[in-house]
């Protein structure tokens, strides 16, 4: 029977000897093998669509969408895709990834171990030096801009679509290589959801659970560092573009140093600071991702590789990019309300994830002594107090409130800048469905009891 007790040390759960190491995948997510190519094509297309409908030359829809013919729309997209190849941009993206890898090796790191893998005996080691990577990057950028001006940031802003295309190409090649490499041995630990035998689905969802190369855990490396830090650099590039007058000579740009920051609009400042805090927080708490579904459950394939390296930096930066050519004068009261919303979302998100991670990794901590949990028949423990007694996915609620606060400083002249909040709501809803399904399969009747104890999914007393 399931029991409710104060928190004690969490026992490790081992795989049953009768179970094969890599069982065949029988449950299909994301609409299954038939729709996988469509989903992948949409993911590759969306960042470019966002640029075509929201760029400094044409403005943001519905400016031209309502006045031009479909042939004119098609001509816009044709011009965009014809301009994407840039050897310089491609070389810059390769250099960026090489730089991230180099810092993995050279920066000091505290080593932590992840959760117990499905083989019942392995806990992989991970170096925590992602925040160091962020700090070194910002320090180097800070010194460079102070000495030579924001020219490098202005170049990044002007080459956005070319850098985007290059990142997408690298991520796609990586996903294909990961899929091919997963067949190198019968002893490779595969993701439970990525061993279907349908190659296109397994390519999409990720076949191998924890691919490693030359001492690097590829999924862990890509999860936060290149995409999130790159996103922050793109935002700084947009801020520079908003304030630095066009037509300045190289010497005039070099003389600016960081003085242009003082002219950044309040709306742009809010977006950059909100999203910078998100990046700082994620990398400061890098060990928290070791207990997330991305690390423990999902394979490393197209979904995560393309998502981390391509989708995150080049879609999440849409708000700052829009404000770079369409400044919005935000009333002080509106700005204060947006700040309050962001703080509330962060309080919920960080508080809930902090409780979960602490309970999973250090249940003997004094901070856990008053936690209540439900012990399932499988030996796992489910929190039923604190944030997790309010709703089963309360962290997603906080995450979405922050997402909305990133969009509001752009005003209401275009729906494009709200793409992230809409997409993220759908993503979190879908992830909640995945979570619920997997937990129901894993815990059986205990999950039904847990749902009776914690009946709300996202918002206490509402949903």
Protein backbone atom coordinates (compact mmCIF):
# COMPACT_ATOMS: atom_id res chain seq x y z
CA UNK A 1 0.00 0.00 0.00
CA UNK A 2 1.13 3.56 -0.62
CA UNK A 3 1.99 5.51 2.52
CA UNK A 4 2.42 9.14 3.44
CA UNK A 5 5.47 10.01 5.60
CA UNK A 6 7.95 12.77 6.33
CA UNK A 7 10.92 12.77 3.96
CA UNK A 8 13.66 10.21 4.49
CA UNK A 9 16.52 9.01 2.33
CA UNK A 10 15.35 7.98 -1.10
CA UNK A 11 16.21 4.40 -2.04
CA UNK A 12 17.70 3.73 -5.46
CA UNK A 13 15.48 1.82 -7.84
CA UNK A 14 17.09 -0.85 -9.97
CA UNK A 15 15.92 -2.42 -13.19
CA UNK A 16 14.26 -5.80 -12.95
CA UNK A 17 16.55 -8.58 -14.19
CA UNK A 18 13.78 -9.99 -16.36
CA UNK A 19 13.50 -6.78 -18.37
CA UNK A 20 15.65 -6.35 -21.48
CA UNK A 21 18.08 -3.44 -21.37
CA UNK A 22 16.54 -1.86 -24.49
CA UNK A 23 12.88 -2.88 -24.81
CA UNK A 24 11.09 -2.13 -28.04
CA UNK A 25 9.20 1.15 -28.09
CA UNK A 26 5.48 0.51 -28.38
CA UNK A 27 4.08 3.92 -27.46
CA UNK A 28 4.47 6.76 -29.98
CA UNK A 29 4.59 10.38 -28.99
CA UNK A 30 4.24 13.54 -31.13
CA UNK A 31 1.70 11.86 -33.44
CA UNK A 32 3.97 8.92 -34.25
CA UNK A 33 6.17 7.94 -37.21
CA UNK A 34 3.80 9.22 -39.89
CA UNK A 35 3.88 12.81 -38.70
CA UNK A 36 7.53 12.92 -37.58
CA UNK A 37 8.80 14.30 -40.93
CA UNK A 38 6.13 16.99 -40.86
CA UNK A 39 7.01 18.02 -37.30
CA UNK A 40 10.72 18.18 -38.17
CA UNK A 41 10.05 20.27 -41.28
CA UNK A 42 7.90 22.71 -39.29
CA UNK A 43 10.59 23.09 -36.63
CA UNK A 44 13.21 23.85 -39.26
CA UNK A 45 10.92 26.36 -41.00
CA UNK A 46 9.50 28.34 -38.07
CA UNK A 47 12.57 30.45 -37.17
CA UNK A 48 12.83 31.55 -40.80
CA UNK A 49 9.11 32.27 -41.03
CA UNK A 50 9.37 34.40 -37.90
CA UNK A 51 12.16 36.39 -39.51
CA UNK A 52 10.32 36.91 -42.81
CA UNK A 53 7.20 38.17 -41.04
CA UNK A 54 9.17 40.23 -38.53
CA UNK A 55 12.32 41.99 -39.75
CA UNK A 56 13.79 45.50 -39.89
CA UNK A 57 13.17 45.93 -43.63
CA UNK A 58 9.48 45.03 -43.78
CA UNK A 59 8.32 45.49 -40.20
CA UNK A 60 6.11 42.89 -38.56
CA UNK A 61 2.84 41.41 -39.76
CA UNK A 62 0.10 42.34 -40.25
CA UNK A 63 1.78 45.35 -41.95
CA UNK A 64 2.18 43.68 -45.32
CA UNK A 65 0.27 40.45 -44.80
CA UNK A 66 -3.05 42.23 -45.26
CA UNK A 67 -2.05 44.29 -48.27
CA UNK A 68 -0.03 41.94 -50.48
CA UNK A 69 -1.02 39.01 -52.64
CA UNK A 70 0.07 35.40 -51.98
CA UNK A 71 2.49 35.74 -54.91
CA UNK A 72 4.17 38.64 -53.13
CA UNK A 73 4.39 36.58 -49.94
CA UNK A 74 6.01 33.77 -51.88
CA UNK A 75 8.49 36.21 -53.41
CA UNK A 76 9.49 37.38 -49.94
CA UNK A 77 10.20 33.85 -48.78
CA UNK A 78 12.08 33.08 -51.99
CA UNK A 79 14.36 36.10 -51.50
CA UNK A 80 14.92 35.14 -47.89
CA UNK A 81 15.95 31.55 -48.55
CA UNK A 82 18.13 32.58 -51.49
CA UNK A 83 20.18 34.80 -49.16
CA UNK A 84 20.83 32.31 -46.38
CA UNK A 85 24.16 30.78 -47.36
CA UNK A 86 27.10 32.68 -45.90
CA UNK A 87 30.52 31.01 -45.51
CA UNK A 88 31.41 33.59 -42.87
CA UNK A 89 28.28 32.95 -40.81
CA UNK A 90 28.77 29.20 -41.09
CA UNK A 91 32.39 29.51 -39.94
CA UNK A 92 31.32 31.70 -37.03
CA UNK A 93 28.78 29.11 -35.86
CA UNK A 94 31.36 26.31 -36.08
CA UNK A 95 33.81 28.47 -34.13
CA UNK A 96 31.11 29.14 -31.52
CA UNK A 97 30.49 25.45 -30.93
CA UNK A 98 34.23 24.72 -30.84
CA UNK A 99 34.64 27.48 -28.25
CA UNK A 100 31.89 25.98 -26.06
CA UNK A 101 33.56 22.56 -26.29
CA UNK A 102 36.98 24.02 -25.44
CA UNK A 103 35.62 25.61 -22.26
CA UNK A 104 34.11 22.25 -21.27
CA UNK A 105 37.66 20.92 -21.09
CA UNK A 106 39.61 23.86 -19.69
CA UNK A 107 37.34 25.42 -17.06
CA UNK A 108 37.40 24.02 -13.53
CA UNK A 109 34.30 22.04 -12.68
CA UNK A 110 32.62 20.38 -9.75
CA UNK A 111 31.68 16.81 -10.70
CA UNK A 112 28.21 15.57 -9.85
CA UNK A 113 26.45 12.31 -10.69
CA UNK A 114 23.12 11.97 -12.40
CA UNK A 115 20.21 9.70 -11.58
CA UNK A 116 20.49 5.94 -11.69
CA UNK A 117 20.18 4.72 -15.27
CA UNK A 118 17.89 1.96 -16.44
CA UNK A 119 20.64 -0.66 -16.20
CA UNK A 120 20.34 -0.38 -12.43
CA UNK A 121 24.03 0.28 -11.76
CA UNK A 122 25.24 3.39 -13.61
CA UNK A 123 25.25 7.02 -12.53
CA UNK A 124 26.99 9.19 -15.10
CA UNK A 125 29.35 11.96 -14.01
CA UNK A 126 28.77 15.54 -15.20
CA UNK A 127 31.02 18.60 -14.84
CA UNK A 128 29.30 21.73 -13.56
CA UNK A 129 31.10 24.52 -15.38
CA UNK A 130 28.29 25.91 -17.50
CA UNK A 131 28.06 29.08 -15.43
CA UNK A 132 31.80 29.50 -15.83
CA UNK A 133 31.31 29.26 -19.59
CA UNK A 134 28.71 32.05 -19.40
CA UNK A 135 30.95 34.21 -17.20
CA UNK A 136 34.00 33.83 -19.46
CA UNK A 137 31.91 34.57 -22.56
CA UNK A 138 30.42 37.75 -21.12
CA UNK A 139 33.80 38.87 -19.82
CA UNK A 140 35.43 38.41 -23.23
CA UNK A 141 32.54 40.15 -24.97
CA UNK A 142 32.59 42.96 -22.43
CA UNK A 143 36.28 43.65 -22.90
CA UNK A 144 36.05 43.42 -26.69
CA UNK A 145 33.12 45.84 -26.96
CA UNK A 146 34.77 48.28 -24.55
CA UNK A 147 37.95 48.29 -26.65
CA UNK A 148 36.52 48.04 -30.16
CA UNK A 149 32.90 49.09 -29.85
CA UNK A 150 29.67 47.22 -30.61
CA UNK A 151 30.55 46.48 -34.25
CA UNK A 152 30.64 42.73 -33.61
CA UNK A 153 27.13 42.88 -32.10
CA UNK A 154 25.84 44.92 -35.01
CA UNK A 155 27.25 42.30 -37.37
CA UNK A 156 25.46 39.55 -35.46
CA UNK A 157 22.18 41.47 -35.71
CA UNK A 158 22.61 42.04 -39.46
CA UNK A 159 23.56 38.41 -40.12
CA UNK A 160 20.75 36.91 -38.02
CA UNK A 161 19.13 34.85 -40.82
CA UNK A 162 22.49 33.53 -42.06
CA UNK A 163 23.57 32.55 -38.55
CA UNK A 164 20.17 30.93 -38.05
CA UNK A 165 20.51 28.85 -41.21
CA UNK A 166 24.04 27.79 -40.28
CA UNK A 167 22.96 26.71 -36.78
CA UNK A 168 20.08 24.72 -38.27
CA UNK A 169 22.41 22.95 -40.69
CA UNK A 170 24.87 22.02 -37.95
CA UNK A 171 22.08 20.79 -35.66
CA UNK A 172 20.54 18.68 -38.43
CA UNK A 173 23.88 17.03 -39.26
CA UNK A 174 24.44 16.38 -35.56
CA UNK A 175 21.03 14.71 -35.22
CA UNK A 176 21.72 12.42 -38.19
CA UNK A 177 25.18 11.54 -36.83
CA UNK A 178 23.72 10.76 -33.41
CA UNK A 179 21.17 8.41 -34.94
CA UNK A 180 23.80 6.61 -37.01
CA UNK A 181 26.16 6.38 -34.04
CA UNK A 182 23.53 4.73 -31.87
CA UNK A 183 23.99 1.52 -33.90
CA UNK A 184 27.69 1.15 -33.08
CA UNK A 185 27.12 -1.51 -30.42
CA UNK A 186 24.40 -3.71 -28.96
CA UNK A 187 25.42 -2.46 -25.51
CA UNK A 188 24.42 1.15 -26.19
CA UNK A 189 21.73 2.26 -23.74
CA UNK A 190 18.80 3.49 -25.81
CA UNK A 191 16.00 5.81 -24.79
CA UNK A 192 12.85 3.92 -23.89
CA UNK A 193 10.91 6.04 -26.38
CA UNK A 194 13.43 5.94 -29.23
CA UNK A 195 13.74 2.25 -30.07
CA UNK A 196 10.71 1.78 -32.28
CA UNK A 197 12.44 0.48 -35.41
CA UNK A 198 10.92 3.30 -37.49
CA UNK A 199 14.04 5.20 -38.45
CA UNK A 200 12.41 8.57 -39.03
CA UNK A 201 10.63 8.48 -35.65
CA UNK A 202 13.74 7.34 -33.79
CA UNK A 203 15.78 10.04 -35.55
CA UNK A 204 13.23 12.61 -34.41
CA UNK A 205 12.77 11.49 -30.81
CA UNK A 206 16.38 10.45 -30.18
CA UNK A 207 17.58 6.85 -30.13
CA UNK A 208 20.56 6.85 -27.76
CA UNK A 209 19.96 8.05 -24.22
CA UNK A 210 23.37 9.45 -23.26
CA UNK A 211 25.75 9.65 -26.25
CA UNK A 212 29.30 10.55 -25.23
CA UNK A 213 32.31 11.47 -27.34
CA UNK A 214 35.86 12.18 -26.15
CA UNK A 215 34.66 12.56 -22.58
CA UNK A 216 31.81 14.92 -23.47
CA UNK A 217 28.19 14.09 -22.71
CA UNK A 218 26.75 15.57 -25.89
CA UNK A 219 23.18 15.94 -24.68
CA UNK A 220 24.23 17.60 -21.44
CA UNK A 221 26.63 19.94 -23.25
CA UNK A 222 24.01 21.08 -25.75
CA UNK A 223 21.13 21.33 -23.31
CA UNK A 224 22.06 24.74 -21.87
CA UNK A 225 25.36 26.14 -23.04
CA UNK A 226 25.52 26.96 -26.77
CA UNK A 227 21.84 27.77 -27.21
CA UNK A 228 21.12 29.73 -24.04
CA UNK A 229 24.35 31.73 -24.07
CA UNK A 230 23.91 32.31 -27.81
CA UNK A 231 20.37 33.55 -27.14
CA UNK A 232 21.75 36.12 -24.71
CA UNK A 233 24.33 37.30 -27.28
CA UNK A 234 21.59 37.68 -29.90
CA UNK A 235 19.57 39.80 -27.48
CA UNK A 236 22.56 42.04 -26.81
CA UNK A 237 23.02 42.37 -30.57
CA UNK A 238 19.39 43.50 -30.91
CA UNK A 239 19.85 46.02 -28.10
CA UNK A 240 22.91 47.44 -29.87
CA UNK A 241 21.01 47.67 -33.14
CA UNK A 242 18.21 49.62 -31.45
CA UNK A 243 20.50 52.33 -30.10
CA UNK A 244 23.53 52.66 -32.41
CA UNK A 245 22.74 55.07 -35.26
CA UNK A 246 23.10 53.62 -38.74
CA UNK A 247 25.70 55.04 -41.05
CA UNK A 248 28.47 55.49 -38.49
CA UNK A 249 32.00 54.79 -39.62
CA UNK A 250 34.15 52.07 -38.08
CA UNK A 251 36.08 54.55 -35.95
CA UNK A 252 32.87 56.13 -34.65
CA UNK A 253 31.41 52.72 -33.76
CA UNK A 254 34.66 51.69 -32.05
CA UNK A 255 34.62 54.85 -29.95
CA UNK A 256 31.19 53.99 -28.51
CA UNK A 257 32.37 51.22 -26.22
CA UNK A 258 29.38 50.35 -24.02
CA UNK A 259 27.97 53.89 -23.92
CA UNK A 260 25.09 52.88 -26.19
CA UNK A 261 23.58 50.80 -23.38
CA UNK A 262 22.33 53.99 -21.70
CA UNK A 263 20.02 54.62 -24.67
CA UNK A 264 18.32 51.21 -24.66
CA UNK A 265 14.55 51.60 -24.32
CA UNK A 266 12.88 50.46 -21.06
CA UNK A 267 10.94 47.77 -22.95
CA UNK A 268 14.13 46.38 -24.50
CA UNK A 269 15.86 46.54 -21.12
CA UNK A 270 13.07 44.49 -19.53
CA UNK A 271 13.20 41.81 -22.23
CA UNK A 272 16.98 41.52 -22.15
CA UNK A 273 17.15 41.52 -18.35
CA UNK A 274 14.29 39.03 -17.92
CA UNK A 275 15.79 36.61 -20.39
CA UNK A 276 19.34 37.18 -19.14
CA UNK A 277 18.19 36.27 -15.64
CA UNK A 278 16.61 33.10 -17.01
CA UNK A 279 19.91 32.16 -18.67
CA UNK A 280 21.95 33.02 -15.56
CA UNK A 281 19.58 31.07 -13.34
CA UNK A 282 19.57 28.00 -15.57
CA UNK A 283 23.36 27.84 -15.71
CA UNK A 284 23.87 28.69 -12.05
CA UNK A 285 21.55 25.77 -11.19
CA UNK A 286 22.94 23.56 -13.94
CA UNK A 287 22.73 20.42 -11.82
CA UNK A 288 18.94 20.78 -11.70
CA UNK A 289 18.64 19.58 -15.30
CA UNK A 290 20.05 16.18 -14.29
CA UNK A 291 16.64 15.20 -12.91
CA UNK A 292 14.60 16.52 -15.86
CA UNK A 293 12.92 14.42 -18.52
CA UNK A 294 15.35 15.69 -21.16
CA UNK A 295 18.30 14.13 -19.34
CA UNK A 296 16.73 11.09 -17.68
CA UNK A 297 14.24 9.90 -20.30
CA UNK A 298 14.49 11.44 -23.77
CA UNK A 299 17.08 10.31 -26.28
CA UNK A 300 19.39 12.78 -27.95
CA UNK A 301 18.18 13.18 -31.49
CA UNK A 302 16.57 15.77 -33.73
CA UNK A 303 14.12 16.99 -31.09
CA UNK A 304 16.76 18.03 -28.56
CA UNK A 305 19.72 18.73 -30.86
CA UNK A 306 17.80 21.03 -33.18
CA UNK A 307 15.80 22.42 -30.29
CA UNK A 308 18.87 23.30 -28.22
CA UNK A 309 21.16 24.64 -30.93
CA UNK A 310 18.69 26.19 -33.38
CA UNK A 311 15.16 26.65 -32.09
CA UNK A 312 15.94 28.14 -28.68
CA UNK A 313 18.32 30.96 -29.64
CA UNK A 314 16.64 31.92 -32.92
CA UNK A 315 13.00 31.87 -31.82
CA UNK A 316 13.34 32.97 -28.19
CA UNK A 317 15.14 36.14 -29.30
CA UNK A 318 12.14 37.35 -31.36
CA UNK A 319 10.97 39.91 -28.78
CA UNK A 320 14.34 41.68 -28.58
CA UNK A 321 14.74 41.50 -32.35
CA UNK A 322 11.33 43.15 -32.86
CA UNK A 323 12.12 45.92 -30.38
CA UNK A 324 15.42 46.59 -32.15
CA UNK A 325 13.54 48.13 -35.09
CA UNK A 326 10.16 48.90 -33.48
CA UNK A 327 10.75 50.53 -30.07
CA UNK A 328 7.73 50.45 -27.78
CA UNK A 329 7.10 53.20 -25.25
CA UNK A 330 5.87 51.27 -22.24
CA UNK A 331 3.93 53.20 -19.57
CA UNK A 332 5.62 52.96 -16.14
CA UNK A 333 2.59 51.29 -14.56
CA UNK A 334 2.57 48.64 -17.29
CA UNK A 335 6.27 48.09 -16.81
CA UNK A 336 5.79 47.60 -13.07
CA UNK A 337 3.00 45.08 -13.69
CA UNK A 338 5.16 43.13 -16.12
CA UNK A 339 8.03 43.06 -13.61
CA UNK A 340 5.64 41.75 -10.93
CA UNK A 341 4.40 39.03 -13.29
CA UNK A 342 7.94 37.96 -14.10
CA UNK A 343 8.94 37.85 -10.44
CA UNK A 344 5.86 35.79 -9.57
CA UNK A 345 6.58 33.31 -12.35
CA UNK A 346 10.20 33.00 -11.35
CA UNK A 347 9.27 32.53 -7.68
CA UNK A 348 6.97 29.64 -8.56
CA UNK A 349 9.28 28.08 -11.15
CA UNK A 350 12.48 28.21 -9.12
CA UNK A 351 10.78 27.35 -5.84
CA UNK A 352 9.07 24.25 -7.24
CA UNK A 353 12.10 22.99 -9.15
CA UNK A 354 14.34 23.67 -6.17
CA UNK A 355 12.15 21.59 -3.88
CA UNK A 356 12.00 18.71 -6.35
CA UNK A 357 15.72 18.69 -7.05
CA UNK A 358 16.66 18.92 -3.37
CA UNK A 359 14.30 16.09 -2.45
CA UNK A 360 15.67 13.86 -5.18
CA UNK A 361 19.36 14.55 -4.61
CA UNK A 362 19.64 15.27 -0.88
CA UNK A 363 16.55 14.06 1.00
CA UNK A 364 18.47 14.16 4.31
CA UNK A 365 18.85 17.93 4.06
CA UNK A 366 17.29 19.86 6.97
CA UNK A 367 15.26 21.73 4.35
CA UNK A 368 13.45 18.47 3.55
CA UNK A 369 12.51 17.48 7.08
CA UNK A 370 8.98 18.83 6.84
CA UNK A 371 8.32 17.56 3.33
CA UNK A 372 5.55 15.01 3.00
CA UNK A 373 5.66 12.35 0.35
CA UNK A 374 3.83 9.31 -0.84
CA UNK A 375 5.77 6.06 -1.13
CA UNK A 376 4.66 3.96 -4.09
CA UNK A 377 4.78 0.19 -4.38
CA UNK A 378 7.77 0.54 -6.72
CA UNK A 379 9.75 2.29 -3.98
CA UNK A 380 9.62 5.74 -5.57
CA UNK A 381 8.55 8.74 -3.55
CA UNK A 382 6.20 11.48 -4.76
CA UNK A 383 6.12 14.86 -3.04
CA UNK A 384 2.67 15.90 -1.83
CA UNK A 385 3.56 19.03 0.13
CA UNK A 386 5.04 22.44 -0.57
CA UNK A 387 4.70 23.55 -4.16
CA UNK A 388 4.00 19.97 -5.22
CA UNK A 389 1.00 19.75 -2.93
CA UNK A 390 -0.62 22.63 -4.83
CA UNK A 391 -0.50 21.21 -8.36
CA UNK A 392 1.20 18.30 -10.09
CA UNK A 393 2.96 20.54 -12.64
CA UNK A 394 3.15 23.83 -10.77
CA UNK A 395 6.65 24.49 -12.15
CA UNK A 396 5.20 24.66 -15.68
CA UNK A 397 2.78 27.37 -14.52
CA UNK A 398 5.63 29.52 -13.25
CA UNK A 399 7.61 28.92 -16.41
CA UNK A 400 4.72 30.09 -18.58
CA UNK A 401 4.11 33.23 -16.53
CA UNK A 402 7.72 34.19 -17.16
CA UNK A 403 7.26 33.47 -20.86
CA UNK A 404 4.27 35.82 -21.01
CA UNK A 405 6.21 38.56 -19.23
CA UNK A 406 8.88 38.38 -21.94
CA UNK A 407 6.28 39.12 -24.63
CA UNK A 408 4.27 41.91 -22.99
CA UNK A 409 7.01 44.60 -23.30
CA UNK A 410 6.59 44.45 -27.09
CA UNK A 411 3.08 45.91 -26.91
CA UNK A 412 0.17 44.71 -29.03
CA UNK A 413 0.92 45.83 -32.58
CA UNK A 414 1.73 42.33 -33.82
CA UNK A 415 0.98 38.76 -32.74
CA UNK A 416 4.44 37.62 -33.86
CA UNK A 417 6.14 38.56 -30.60
CA UNK A 418 3.60 36.44 -28.72
CA UNK A 419 4.55 33.34 -30.65
CA UNK A 420 6.76 32.18 -27.80
CA UNK A 421 4.03 32.39 -25.16
CA UNK A 422 1.55 30.55 -27.41
CA UNK A 423 4.05 27.90 -28.49
CA UNK A 424 5.28 27.44 -24.92
CA UNK A 425 1.73 26.95 -23.61
CA UNK A 426 1.20 24.18 -26.17
CA UNK A 427 4.59 22.65 -25.37
CA UNK A 428 3.95 22.60 -21.63
CA UNK A 429 0.46 21.20 -22.10
CA UNK A 430 1.88 18.43 -24.29
CA UNK A 431 4.71 17.77 -21.85
CA UNK A 432 2.16 17.50 -19.06
CA UNK A 433 0.31 14.86 -21.06
CA UNK A 434 3.59 12.95 -21.54
CA UNK A 435 4.37 13.23 -17.83
CA UNK A 436 0.93 12.01 -16.82
CA UNK A 437 1.02 9.05 -19.20
CA UNK A 438 4.48 7.89 -18.13
CA UNK A 439 3.69 8.26 -14.46
CA UNK A 440 0.45 6.35 -14.85
CA UNK A 441 2.31 3.51 -16.57
CA UNK A 442 5.11 3.57 -13.99
CA UNK A 443 3.06 3.88 -10.79
CA UNK A 444 -0.29 2.34 -11.76
CA UNK A 445 -2.89 2.62 -9.00
CA UNK A 446 -0.50 4.65 -6.88
CA UNK A 447 -0.64 7.41 -9.49
CA UNK A 448 -4.43 7.45 -9.27
CA UNK A 449 -4.13 7.86 -5.49
CA UNK A 450 -1.56 10.61 -5.95
CA UNK A 451 -3.92 12.44 -8.31
CA UNK A 452 -6.63 12.31 -5.66
CA UNK A 453 -4.24 13.83 -3.10
CA UNK A 454 -3.01 16.49 -5.56
CA UNK A 455 -6.00 16.93 -7.91
CA UNK A 456 -4.89 20.03 -9.80
CA UNK A 457 -2.55 19.96 -12.79
CA UNK A 458 -1.34 23.55 -13.32
CA UNK A 459 -3.33 26.10 -11.28
CA UNK A 460 -4.58 25.28 -7.75
CA UNK A 461 -8.37 25.21 -7.53
CA UNK A 462 -8.76 26.03 -11.24
CA UNK A 463 -7.10 23.37 -13.41
